[in-house]
Each structure stands twice: as structure tokens, then as C-alpha cells.
Amino acid sequence: METSFTPWLSLAGGMMIGASAVLLMATNGRIAGISGLTSRIFARSTDGEARGVSALFVVGLLLAAPIWLLVSGEWPQQWVPSSPALMAVAGLLVGFGATYGNGCTSGHGVCGISRGSMRSIVATATFMAAAFVTVFITRHLIGG
């Protein structure tokens, strides 16, 4: 399976992710970890302002594809070569990992590493190692 790498779009996307993380930290003092933001929306003990900011951030993520449609005239191309059942299991495993690791790749990888957090550096190295092994197994040993 071949993937197409678009360096300029990838760079622009990375810059927007970084800018949004800096903006959220500068304006609200919160780390842009998607699992933390999402859980804050549904938490019982969260204050209203934190819940609202978290909801706006997540809504902004969900609006990215429709905004791309308005700008470019076509939906973003997304192809996931897997079954819905396998994707559901993968989603549960990612959720478990984010809970067990006290954060997700966005919180640790984008915000934690930039702050020099050793816990985030170790967590991100662990995420990446698990991803490398998973891709190797699924593409080369199983043949997916």
C-alpha cells in the first residue's frame, strides 16, 4: 500500500496545529490535548468556561472538513483500508491508551514535547514505537 505525501499541505497543517495549541495555551492556559478537551466537555465537575472552550475547540476540529469543502469545492480525500469493526476496536484501544497514558498524541506530542516534559517525551516515543510495530505487523506479516 502506498501513501501520497504532500509536504506543503502537511507543513501548513502542522503550523495550524501548533498555532492552535499556542493560542489555547496563551488565552486559556490549557493544553490542546484532544482527549482531555473532549473529556472536559462531558465531565461533571468541569466549570462552565472550561466546558465551553473545550466544546468550541472540538467543534472547530469537526468543522475542518466542511470548511475545506467551502474553500476547495470538494471533500477532503480520506480512505481507510479497514473494516468498521476493526476501526471500532482500534478506537477503543486508542481511548484506553489515552486514559492509561494520561493524554493523547496531541497533548503529549505537540504540547508536552514543546514544553520539555520528560513524561510527554517518553509517552510520545512509546506511541511512535507502538505505531511502527503495528504498521510492520499489519503490512508485512499479516499482509493488510
N, C-alpha and C. Protein backbone atom coordinates (compact mmCIF):
# COMPACT_ATOMS: atom_id res chain seq x y z
N MET A 1 0.84 -1.17 0.00
CA MET A 1 0.00 0.00 0.00
C MET A 1 0.89 1.24 0.00
N GLU A 2 0.56 2.15 -0.88
CA GLU A 2 1.35 3.37 -0.99
C GLU A 2 0.54 4.56 -0.49
N THR A 3 1.21 5.46 0.18
CA THR A 3 0.54 6.68 0.62
C THR A 3 1.18 7.86 -0.10
N SER A 4 0.39 8.88 -0.35
CA SER A 4 0.93 10.05 -1.02
C SER A 4 1.24 11.12 0.02
N PHE A 5 2.46 11.58 0.03
CA PHE A 5 2.92 12.59 0.98
C PHE A 5 2.88 13.95 0.31
N THR A 6 2.23 14.89 0.93
CA THR A 6 2.14 16.25 0.40
C THR A 6 2.85 17.18 1.37
N PRO A 7 4.12 17.46 1.13
CA PRO A 7 4.91 18.21 2.11
C PRO A 7 4.38 19.61 2.42
N TRP A 8 3.89 20.34 1.43
CA TRP A 8 3.43 21.71 1.70
C TRP A 8 2.13 21.73 2.47
N LEU A 9 1.20 20.84 2.11
CA LEU A 9 -0.05 20.75 2.88
C LEU A 9 0.22 20.23 4.28
N SER A 10 1.14 19.29 4.40
CA SER A 10 1.50 18.76 5.72
C SER A 10 2.13 19.84 6.59
N LEU A 11 3.02 20.63 6.01
CA LEU A 11 3.64 21.73 6.74
C LEU A 11 2.58 22.75 7.19
N ALA A 12 1.68 23.10 6.28
CA ALA A 12 0.62 24.06 6.63
C ALA A 12 -0.26 23.50 7.74
N GLY A 13 -0.62 22.24 7.65
CA GLY A 13 -1.43 21.62 8.70
C GLY A 13 -0.72 21.59 10.03
N GLY A 14 0.55 21.25 10.02
CA GLY A 14 1.34 21.25 11.26
C GLY A 14 1.44 22.63 11.88
N MET A 15 1.59 23.63 11.01
CA MET A 15 1.66 25.01 11.52
C MET A 15 0.33 25.43 12.15
N MET A 16 -0.78 25.00 11.56
CA MET A 16 -2.08 25.34 12.13
C MET A 16 -2.31 24.62 13.45
N ILE A 17 -1.87 23.37 13.55
CA ILE A 17 -1.99 22.63 14.81
C ILE A 17 -1.16 23.33 15.88
N GLY A 18 0.07 23.69 15.54
CA GLY A 18 0.92 24.39 16.51
C GLY A 18 0.34 25.72 16.92
N ALA A 19 -0.18 26.47 15.95
CA ALA A 19 -0.77 27.78 16.27
C ALA A 19 -1.99 27.63 17.17
N SER A 20 -2.82 26.63 16.91
CA SER A 20 -4.00 26.44 17.75
C SER A 20 -3.60 26.03 19.17
N ALA A 21 -2.55 25.22 19.29
CA ALA A 21 -2.08 24.82 20.62
C ALA A 21 -1.53 26.03 21.38
N VAL A 22 -0.76 26.87 20.71
CA VAL A 22 -0.22 28.08 21.35
C VAL A 22 -1.35 29.03 21.72
N LEU A 23 -2.30 29.20 20.83
CA LEU A 23 -3.42 30.11 21.10
C LEU A 23 -4.25 29.65 22.30
N LEU A 24 -4.52 28.36 22.37
CA LEU A 24 -5.29 27.83 23.50
C LEU A 24 -4.52 28.00 24.81
N MET A 25 -3.21 27.75 24.78
CA MET A 25 -2.39 27.90 25.98
C MET A 25 -2.29 29.38 26.38
N ALA A 26 -2.10 30.25 25.41
CA ALA A 26 -1.95 31.68 25.71
C ALA A 26 -3.23 32.32 26.21
N THR A 27 -4.37 31.90 25.67
CA THR A 27 -5.62 32.55 26.04
C THR A 27 -6.33 31.90 27.22
N ASN A 28 -6.11 30.59 27.43
CA ASN A 28 -6.85 29.89 28.49
C ASN A 28 -5.96 29.09 29.43
N GLY A 29 -4.67 29.03 29.14
CA GLY A 29 -3.78 28.25 30.00
C GLY A 29 -4.03 26.76 29.95
N ARG A 30 -4.62 26.29 28.87
CA ARG A 30 -4.95 24.86 28.74
C ARG A 30 -4.12 24.23 27.63
N ILE A 31 -3.80 22.96 27.83
CA ILE A 31 -3.06 22.19 26.84
C ILE A 31 -4.04 21.65 25.82
N ALA A 32 -3.68 21.71 24.55
CA ALA A 32 -4.55 21.27 23.46
C ALA A 32 -4.46 19.76 23.24
N GLY A 33 -4.74 19.01 24.28
CA GLY A 33 -4.84 17.56 24.15
C GLY A 33 -6.28 17.21 23.87
N ILE A 34 -6.53 16.57 22.75
CA ILE A 34 -7.91 16.34 22.32
C ILE A 34 -8.65 15.42 23.29
N SER A 35 -7.99 14.41 23.83
CA SER A 35 -8.68 13.54 24.78
C SER A 35 -9.07 14.31 26.04
N GLY A 36 -8.21 15.20 26.50
CA GLY A 36 -8.53 16.00 27.68
C GLY A 36 -9.64 17.00 27.41
N LEU A 37 -9.57 17.64 26.25
CA LEU A 37 -10.62 18.60 25.88
C LEU A 37 -11.97 17.91 25.74
N THR A 38 -11.98 16.75 25.09
CA THR A 38 -13.23 16.02 24.91
C THR A 38 -13.79 15.54 26.24
N SER A 39 -12.92 15.02 27.11
CA SER A 39 -13.42 14.55 28.41
C SER A 39 -13.91 15.72 29.26
N ARG A 40 -13.31 16.89 29.10
CA ARG A 40 -13.75 18.07 29.86
C ARG A 40 -15.17 18.48 29.47
N ILE A 41 -15.56 18.23 28.23
CA ILE A 41 -16.92 18.56 27.79
C ILE A 41 -17.94 17.76 28.57
N PHE A 42 -17.63 16.49 28.84
CA PHE A 42 -18.59 15.59 29.47
C PHE A 42 -18.39 15.39 30.97
N ALA A 43 -17.37 16.02 31.54
CA ALA A 43 -17.08 15.83 32.97
C ALA A 43 -18.13 16.52 33.83
N ARG A 44 -18.41 15.93 34.97
CA ARG A 44 -19.39 16.50 35.89
C ARG A 44 -18.85 17.71 36.63
N SER A 45 -17.58 17.70 36.96
CA SER A 45 -17.03 18.73 37.82
C SER A 45 -16.37 19.90 37.08
N THR A 46 -16.48 19.94 35.77
CA THR A 46 -15.84 21.00 34.99
C THR A 46 -16.65 22.29 35.10
N ASP A 47 -15.93 23.41 35.25
CA ASP A 47 -16.65 24.69 35.28
C ASP A 47 -17.15 25.02 33.88
N GLY A 48 -18.12 25.91 33.80
CA GLY A 48 -18.77 26.23 32.54
C GLY A 48 -17.84 26.81 31.50
N GLU A 49 -16.90 27.67 31.92
CA GLU A 49 -15.98 28.29 30.96
C GLU A 49 -15.08 27.24 30.32
N ALA A 50 -14.52 26.33 31.13
CA ALA A 50 -13.65 25.28 30.59
C ALA A 50 -14.43 24.38 29.65
N ARG A 51 -15.67 24.07 30.00
CA ARG A 51 -16.50 23.23 29.14
C ARG A 51 -16.77 23.94 27.81
N GLY A 52 -17.06 25.22 27.85
CA GLY A 52 -17.34 25.98 26.63
C GLY A 52 -16.14 26.08 25.72
N VAL A 53 -14.97 26.38 26.29
CA VAL A 53 -13.74 26.48 25.49
C VAL A 53 -13.42 25.13 24.87
N SER A 54 -13.57 24.07 25.64
CA SER A 54 -13.30 22.73 25.13
C SER A 54 -14.26 22.39 24.00
N ALA A 55 -15.53 22.71 24.18
CA ALA A 55 -16.52 22.42 23.15
C ALA A 55 -16.22 23.20 21.87
N LEU A 56 -15.85 24.47 22.00
CA LEU A 56 -15.52 25.26 20.81
C LEU A 56 -14.32 24.68 20.06
N PHE A 57 -13.31 24.24 20.80
CA PHE A 57 -12.12 23.67 20.18
C PHE A 57 -12.48 22.40 19.40
N VAL A 58 -13.27 21.52 20.02
CA VAL A 58 -13.66 20.27 19.37
C VAL A 58 -14.58 20.54 18.18
N VAL A 59 -15.50 21.48 18.31
CA VAL A 59 -16.36 21.85 17.17
C VAL A 59 -15.51 22.38 16.02
N GLY A 60 -14.48 23.15 16.33
CA GLY A 60 -13.57 23.62 15.30
C GLY A 60 -12.91 22.48 14.56
N LEU A 61 -12.54 21.43 15.28
CA LEU A 61 -11.96 20.25 14.62
C LEU A 61 -12.97 19.60 13.67
N LEU A 62 -14.21 19.50 14.14
CA LEU A 62 -15.24 18.85 13.33
C LEU A 62 -15.62 19.68 12.10
N LEU A 63 -15.44 20.99 12.18
CA LEU A 63 -15.78 21.85 11.05
C LEU A 63 -14.69 21.94 9.99
N ALA A 64 -13.54 21.34 10.25
CA ALA A 64 -12.42 21.44 9.31
C ALA A 64 -12.77 20.90 7.93
N ALA A 65 -13.39 19.73 7.85
CA ALA A 65 -13.73 19.15 6.55
C ALA A 65 -14.78 19.98 5.81
N PRO A 66 -15.87 20.41 6.46
CA PRO A 66 -16.83 21.27 5.74
C PRO A 66 -16.21 22.60 5.29
N ILE A 67 -15.31 23.16 6.07
CA ILE A 67 -14.64 24.40 5.65
C ILE A 67 -13.76 24.12 4.43
N TRP A 68 -13.08 22.98 4.42
CA TRP A 68 -12.27 22.60 3.25
C TRP A 68 -13.16 22.48 2.01
N LEU A 69 -14.36 21.92 2.19
CA LEU A 69 -15.30 21.82 1.08
C LEU A 69 -15.66 23.20 0.54
N LEU A 70 -15.91 24.15 1.43
CA LEU A 70 -16.25 25.50 1.00
C LEU A 70 -15.09 26.18 0.27
N VAL A 71 -13.87 25.94 0.74
CA VAL A 71 -12.70 26.59 0.16
C VAL A 71 -12.31 25.96 -1.18
N SER A 72 -12.30 24.62 -1.22
CA SER A 72 -11.77 23.94 -2.40
C SER A 72 -12.84 23.43 -3.36
N GLY A 73 -14.06 23.30 -2.87
CA GLY A 73 -15.13 22.78 -3.72
C GLY A 73 -15.25 21.27 -3.72
N GLU A 74 -14.43 20.59 -2.96
CA GLU A 74 -14.53 19.13 -2.86
C GLU A 74 -14.18 18.68 -1.45
N TRP A 75 -14.74 17.53 -1.08
CA TRP A 75 -14.46 16.98 0.25
C TRP A 75 -13.01 16.50 0.31
N PRO A 76 -12.38 16.56 1.48
CA PRO A 76 -11.03 16.00 1.60
C PRO A 76 -11.05 14.51 1.30
N GLN A 77 -10.03 14.04 0.64
CA GLN A 77 -9.95 12.61 0.30
C GLN A 77 -9.50 11.83 1.53
N GLN A 78 -10.28 10.86 1.91
CA GLN A 78 -9.95 10.02 3.07
C GLN A 78 -10.29 8.59 2.72
N TRP A 79 -9.32 7.71 2.85
CA TRP A 79 -9.56 6.31 2.57
C TRP A 79 -8.92 5.50 3.69
N VAL A 80 -9.72 4.71 4.35
CA VAL A 80 -9.23 3.87 5.44
C VAL A 80 -9.45 2.42 5.03
N PRO A 81 -8.36 1.69 4.76
CA PRO A 81 -8.50 0.33 4.26
C PRO A 81 -8.76 -0.68 5.38
N SER A 82 -9.89 -0.56 6.02
CA SER A 82 -10.18 -1.44 7.13
C SER A 82 -11.68 -1.60 7.29
N SER A 83 -12.05 -2.58 8.07
CA SER A 83 -13.47 -2.81 8.32
C SER A 83 -13.95 -1.92 9.47
N PRO A 84 -15.22 -1.60 9.50
CA PRO A 84 -15.75 -0.79 10.61
C PRO A 84 -15.53 -1.45 11.98
N ALA A 85 -15.62 -2.78 12.04
CA ALA A 85 -15.40 -3.47 13.32
C ALA A 85 -13.96 -3.29 13.80
N LEU A 86 -13.01 -3.42 12.88
CA LEU A 86 -11.61 -3.25 13.25
C LEU A 86 -11.33 -1.81 13.67
N MET A 87 -11.97 -0.86 12.98
CA MET A 87 -11.78 0.54 13.36
C MET A 87 -12.38 0.82 14.73
N ALA A 88 -13.50 0.19 15.07
CA ALA A 88 -14.10 0.36 16.40
C ALA A 88 -13.18 -0.19 17.49
N VAL A 89 -12.61 -1.35 17.24
CA VAL A 89 -11.66 -1.93 18.20
C VAL A 89 -10.44 -1.03 18.34
N ALA A 90 -9.94 -0.53 17.22
CA ALA A 90 -8.78 0.37 17.26
C ALA A 90 -9.11 1.63 18.05
N GLY A 91 -10.30 2.19 17.85
CA GLY A 91 -10.72 3.37 18.59
C GLY A 91 -10.79 3.12 20.09
N LEU A 92 -11.29 1.96 20.48
CA LEU A 92 -11.32 1.60 21.90
C LEU A 92 -9.92 1.47 22.47
N LEU A 93 -9.02 0.87 21.70
CA LEU A 93 -7.64 0.74 22.16
C LEU A 93 -6.95 2.10 22.29
N VAL A 94 -7.21 2.99 21.36
CA VAL A 94 -6.65 4.33 21.44
C VAL A 94 -7.20 5.05 22.67
N GLY A 95 -8.50 4.92 22.91
CA GLY A 95 -9.11 5.53 24.09
C GLY A 95 -8.52 4.98 25.37
N PHE A 96 -8.31 3.66 25.43
CA PHE A 96 -7.68 3.05 26.59
C PHE A 96 -6.27 3.58 26.76
N GLY A 97 -5.52 3.67 25.68
CA GLY A 97 -4.14 4.16 25.76
C GLY A 97 -4.07 5.61 26.19
N ALA A 98 -5.00 6.43 25.71
CA ALA A 98 -5.02 7.85 26.11
C ALA A 98 -5.34 7.98 27.59
N THR A 99 -6.25 7.14 28.08
CA THR A 99 -6.59 7.18 29.51
C THR A 99 -5.42 6.66 30.34
N TYR A 100 -4.85 5.54 29.93
CA TYR A 100 -3.75 4.92 30.67
C TYR A 100 -2.50 5.81 30.66
N GLY A 101 -2.27 6.51 29.54
CA GLY A 101 -1.09 7.36 29.41
C GLY A 101 -1.31 8.80 29.85
N ASN A 102 -2.49 9.06 30.44
CA ASN A 102 -2.83 10.42 30.89
C ASN A 102 -2.70 11.45 29.77
N GLY A 103 -3.18 11.12 28.61
CA GLY A 103 -3.14 12.07 27.50
C GLY A 103 -3.00 11.35 26.18
N CYS A 104 -3.21 12.11 25.12
CA CYS A 104 -3.16 11.55 23.78
C CYS A 104 -1.96 12.10 23.02
N THR A 105 -1.87 11.74 21.77
CA THR A 105 -0.72 12.17 20.98
C THR A 105 -0.67 13.68 20.82
N SER A 106 -1.81 14.32 20.74
CA SER A 106 -1.80 15.78 20.58
C SER A 106 -1.33 16.47 21.86
N GLY A 107 -1.79 16.01 23.00
CA GLY A 107 -1.37 16.62 24.26
C GLY A 107 0.09 16.37 24.56
N HIS A 108 0.52 15.12 24.43
CA HIS A 108 1.91 14.77 24.71
C HIS A 108 2.84 15.18 23.57
N GLY A 109 2.45 14.82 22.33
CA GLY A 109 3.34 15.02 21.19
C GLY A 109 3.49 16.46 20.77
N VAL A 110 2.42 17.23 20.79
CA VAL A 110 2.50 18.61 20.34
C VAL A 110 2.83 19.54 21.51
N CYS A 111 2.06 19.43 22.57
CA CYS A 111 2.21 20.38 23.68
C CYS A 111 3.27 19.95 24.70
N GLY A 112 3.29 18.68 25.04
CA GLY A 112 4.22 18.21 26.07
C GLY A 112 5.68 18.29 25.66
N ILE A 113 5.97 17.83 24.44
CA ILE A 113 7.36 17.87 23.96
C ILE A 113 7.83 19.31 23.83
N SER A 114 6.96 20.20 23.36
CA SER A 114 7.37 21.60 23.19
C SER A 114 7.64 22.27 24.54
N ARG A 115 7.05 21.74 25.62
CA ARG A 115 7.33 22.28 26.96
C ARG A 115 8.51 21.56 27.63
N GLY A 116 9.05 20.56 26.96
CA GLY A 116 10.19 19.82 27.50
C GLY A 116 9.81 18.82 28.58
N SER A 117 8.56 18.37 28.58
CA SER A 117 8.09 17.42 29.58
C SER A 117 8.67 16.03 29.31
N MET A 118 9.45 15.50 30.25
CA MET A 118 10.05 14.18 30.06
C MET A 118 8.97 13.11 29.97
N ARG A 119 7.90 13.26 30.75
CA ARG A 119 6.80 12.29 30.68
C ARG A 119 6.20 12.27 29.28
N SER A 120 6.04 13.44 28.66
CA SER A 120 5.48 13.51 27.31
C SER A 120 6.45 12.97 26.27
N ILE A 121 7.74 13.19 26.46
CA ILE A 121 8.74 12.65 25.53
C ILE A 121 8.70 11.13 25.56
N VAL A 122 8.64 10.55 26.75
CA VAL A 122 8.57 9.09 26.88
C VAL A 122 7.26 8.57 26.31
N ALA A 123 6.14 9.26 26.61
CA ALA A 123 4.84 8.83 26.09
C ALA A 123 4.83 8.86 24.56
N THR A 124 5.35 9.92 23.97
CA THR A 124 5.35 10.04 22.52
C THR A 124 6.26 8.99 21.89
N ALA A 125 7.41 8.73 22.50
CA ALA A 125 8.28 7.67 21.99
C ALA A 125 7.56 6.32 22.05
N THR A 126 6.79 6.10 23.10
CA THR A 126 6.02 4.85 23.23
C THR A 126 4.93 4.77 22.16
N PHE A 127 4.19 5.88 21.95
CA PHE A 127 3.16 5.90 20.90
C PHE A 127 3.78 5.55 19.55
N MET A 128 4.90 6.21 19.25
CA MET A 128 5.53 6.02 17.94
C MET A 128 6.05 4.60 17.77
N ALA A 129 6.67 4.05 18.81
CA ALA A 129 7.17 2.68 18.73
C ALA A 129 6.02 1.70 18.49
N ALA A 130 4.91 1.91 19.21
CA ALA A 130 3.74 1.04 19.01
C ALA A 130 3.19 1.18 17.60
N ALA A 131 3.19 2.39 17.06
CA ALA A 131 2.71 2.61 15.69
C ALA A 131 3.61 1.92 14.68
N PHE A 132 4.93 2.03 14.87
CA PHE A 132 5.87 1.38 13.94
C PHE A 132 5.65 -0.13 13.93
N VAL A 133 5.53 -0.72 15.12
CA VAL A 133 5.33 -2.17 15.22
C VAL A 133 4.00 -2.57 14.59
N THR A 134 2.95 -1.80 14.87
CA THR A 134 1.63 -2.11 14.32
C THR A 134 1.64 -2.06 12.79
N VAL A 135 2.24 -1.02 12.21
CA VAL A 135 2.30 -0.92 10.75
C VAL A 135 3.11 -2.07 10.17
N PHE A 136 4.23 -2.40 10.80
CA PHE A 136 5.04 -3.50 10.29
C PHE A 136 4.26 -4.81 10.30
N ILE A 137 3.59 -5.09 11.43
CA ILE A 137 2.84 -6.34 11.55
C ILE A 137 1.69 -6.40 10.54
N THR A 138 0.92 -5.30 10.47
CA THR A 138 -0.25 -5.32 9.58
C THR A 138 0.10 -5.30 8.11
N ARG A 139 1.16 -4.62 7.75
CA ARG A 139 1.52 -4.52 6.32
C ARG A 139 2.42 -5.65 5.82
N HIS A 140 3.30 -6.13 6.71
CA HIS A 140 4.30 -7.08 6.23
C HIS A 140 4.10 -8.51 6.73
N LEU A 141 3.56 -8.69 7.90
CA LEU A 141 3.37 -10.04 8.42
C LEU A 141 1.96 -10.57 8.15
N ILE A 142 0.96 -9.73 8.40
CA ILE A 142 -0.42 -10.15 8.13
C ILE A 142 -0.78 -9.92 6.67
N GLY A 143 -0.24 -8.83 6.12
CA GLY A 143 -0.50 -8.52 4.72
C GLY A 143 -1.72 -7.65 4.51
N GLY A 144 -2.00 -6.76 5.49
CA GLY A 144 -3.19 -5.90 5.38
C GLY A 144 -2.98 -4.72 4.64
